[in-house]
C-alpha atoms as a PDB file:
ATOM      1  CA  MET A   1      -0.012   0.006   0.015  1.00  0.00           C
ATOM      2  CA  SER A   2       1.184   3.494  -0.782  1.00  0.00           C
ATOM      3  CA  THR A   3       2.516   5.684   2.007  1.00  0.00           C
ATOM      4  CA  LEU A   4       1.688   9.081   0.503  1.00  0.00           C
ATOM      5  CA  ALA A   5       1.398  11.846   3.055  1.00  0.00           C
ATOM      6  CA  GLU A   6      -1.992  13.555   2.821  1.00  0.00           C
ATOM      7  CA  GLU A   7      -0.331  16.708   1.425  1.00  0.00           C
ATOM      8  CA  ASP A   8       1.371  14.650  -1.281  1.00  0.00           C
ATOM      9  CA  PHE A   9      -1.952  12.936  -1.973  1.00  0.00           C
ATOM     10  CA  GLU A  10      -3.566  16.344  -2.612  1.00  0.00           C
ATOM     11  CA  VAL A  11      -0.626  17.480  -4.789  1.00  0.00           C
ATOM     12  CA  GLY A  12      -0.866  14.236  -6.725  1.00  0.00           C
ATOM     13  CA  ALA A  13      -4.616  14.728  -7.143  1.00  0.00           C
ATOM     14  CA  HIS A  14      -4.048  18.211  -8.452  1.00  0.00           C
ATOM     15  CA  ALA A  15      -1.333  17.014 -10.883  1.00  0.00           C
ATOM     16  CA  GLN A  16      -3.661  14.233 -12.121  1.00  0.00           C
ATOM     17  CA  ARG A  17      -6.602  16.660 -12.622  1.00  0.00           C
ATOM     18  CA  LEU A  18      -4.332  19.017 -14.605  1.00  0.00           C
ATOM     19  CA  HIS A  19      -2.996  16.145 -16.718  1.00  0.00           C
ATOM     20  CA  GLU A  20      -6.521  14.815 -17.379  1.00  0.00           C
ATOM     21  CA  SER A  21      -7.588  18.272 -18.516  1.00  0.00           C
ATOM     22  CA  GLY A  22      -4.820  18.280 -21.130  1.00  0.00           C
ATOM     23  CA  THR A  23      -2.121  20.243 -19.327  1.00  0.00           C
ATOM     24  CA  PRO A  24       1.334  19.066 -20.419  1.00  0.00           C
ATOM     25  CA  TRP A  25       3.692  17.674 -17.811  1.00  0.00           C
ATOM     26  CA  SER A  26       6.083  20.543 -18.458  1.00  0.00           C
ATOM     27  CA  ALA A  27       3.433  23.049 -17.348  1.00  0.00           C
ATOM     28  CA  ILE A  28       2.442  20.872 -14.361  1.00  0.00           C
ATOM     29  CA  ARG A  29       6.123  20.739 -13.398  1.00  0.00           C
ATOM     30  CA  THR A  30       6.318  24.479 -13.456  1.00  0.00           C
ATOM     31  CA  GLU A  31       3.142  24.924 -11.380  1.00  0.00           C
ATOM     32  CA  LEU A  32       4.219  22.376  -8.781  1.00  0.00           C
ATOM     33  CA  VAL A  33       7.836  23.537  -8.795  1.00  0.00           C
ATOM     34  CA  CYS A  34       9.252  20.021  -9.272  1.00  0.00           C
ATOM     35  CA  THR A  35      10.541  17.844 -12.093  1.00  0.00           C
ATOM     36  CA  SER A  36       8.198  16.344 -14.622  1.00  0.00           C
ATOM     37  CA  ASP A  37       9.099  12.882 -13.337  1.00  0.00           C
ATOM     38  CA  THR A  38       8.149  13.875  -9.779  1.00  0.00           C
ATOM     39  CA  ALA A  39       4.846  15.306 -10.978  1.00  0.00           C
ATOM     40  CA  ARG A  40       4.125  12.068 -12.856  1.00  0.00           C
ATOM     41  CA  ARG A  41       5.089   9.933  -9.864  1.00  0.00           C
ATOM     42  CA  LEU A  42       2.823  11.929  -7.552  1.00  0.00           C
ATOM     43  CA  ALA A  43      -0.055  11.672 -10.009  1.00  0.00           C
ATOM     44  CA  ASN A  44       0.484   7.933 -10.459  1.00  0.00           C
ATOM     45  CA  ALA A  45       0.775   7.429  -6.691  1.00  0.00           C
ATOM     46  CA  TYR A  46      -2.504   9.379  -6.236  1.00  0.00           C
ATOM     47  CA  VAL A  47      -4.306   7.236  -8.788  1.00  0.00           C
ATOM     48  CA  THR A  48      -3.004   4.033  -7.198  1.00  0.00           C
ATOM     49  CA  LEU A  49      -3.957   5.120  -3.671  1.00  0.00           C
ATOM     50  CA  ALA A  50      -7.349   6.459  -4.727  1.00  0.00           C
ATOM     51  CA  ASP A  51      -8.056   3.115  -6.454  1.00  0.00           C
ATOM     52  CA  GLU A  52      -6.975   1.222  -3.316  1.00  0.00           C
ATOM     53  CA  ARG A  53      -9.240   3.384  -1.169  1.00  0.00           C
ATOM     54  CA  ALA A  54     -12.172   2.924  -3.558  1.00  0.00           C
ATOM     55  CA  ARG A  55     -11.717  -0.866  -3.564  1.00  0.00           C
ATOM     56  CA  LYS A  56     -11.578  -0.913   0.246  1.00  0.00           C
ATOM     57  CA  ASP A  57     -14.719   1.237   0.485  1.00  0.00           C
ATOM     58  CA  GLN A  58     -16.513  -0.904  -2.109  1.00  0.00           C
ATOM     59  CA  LEU A  59     -15.764  -4.115  -0.243  1.00  0.00           C
ATOM     60  CA  SER A  60     -17.138  -2.689   2.960  1.00  0.00           C
ATOM     61  CA  LEU A  61     -20.502  -2.113   1.309  1.00  0.00           C
ATOM     62  CA  PHE A  62     -21.128  -5.832   0.905  1.00  0.00           C
END
C-alpha cells in the first residue's frame, strides 16, 4: 500500500486533474515547482492510492 502523506496525496490529485484536462507535464512541473518525473510519480501514486481506497470502500458495502 502507498505511504503518501496527505499533502502529497492532494498534490498528486491536483497534478492528475491538470493532466486529465490536457495540461502538459512541463506546465504541471512549473506549477508544482518540481521535475516532470516527480509530478508524474505523484499523479500515479495518487491514482493508485485512490483506487486502493475505492476498492476498500467498495468491499465494505457488501
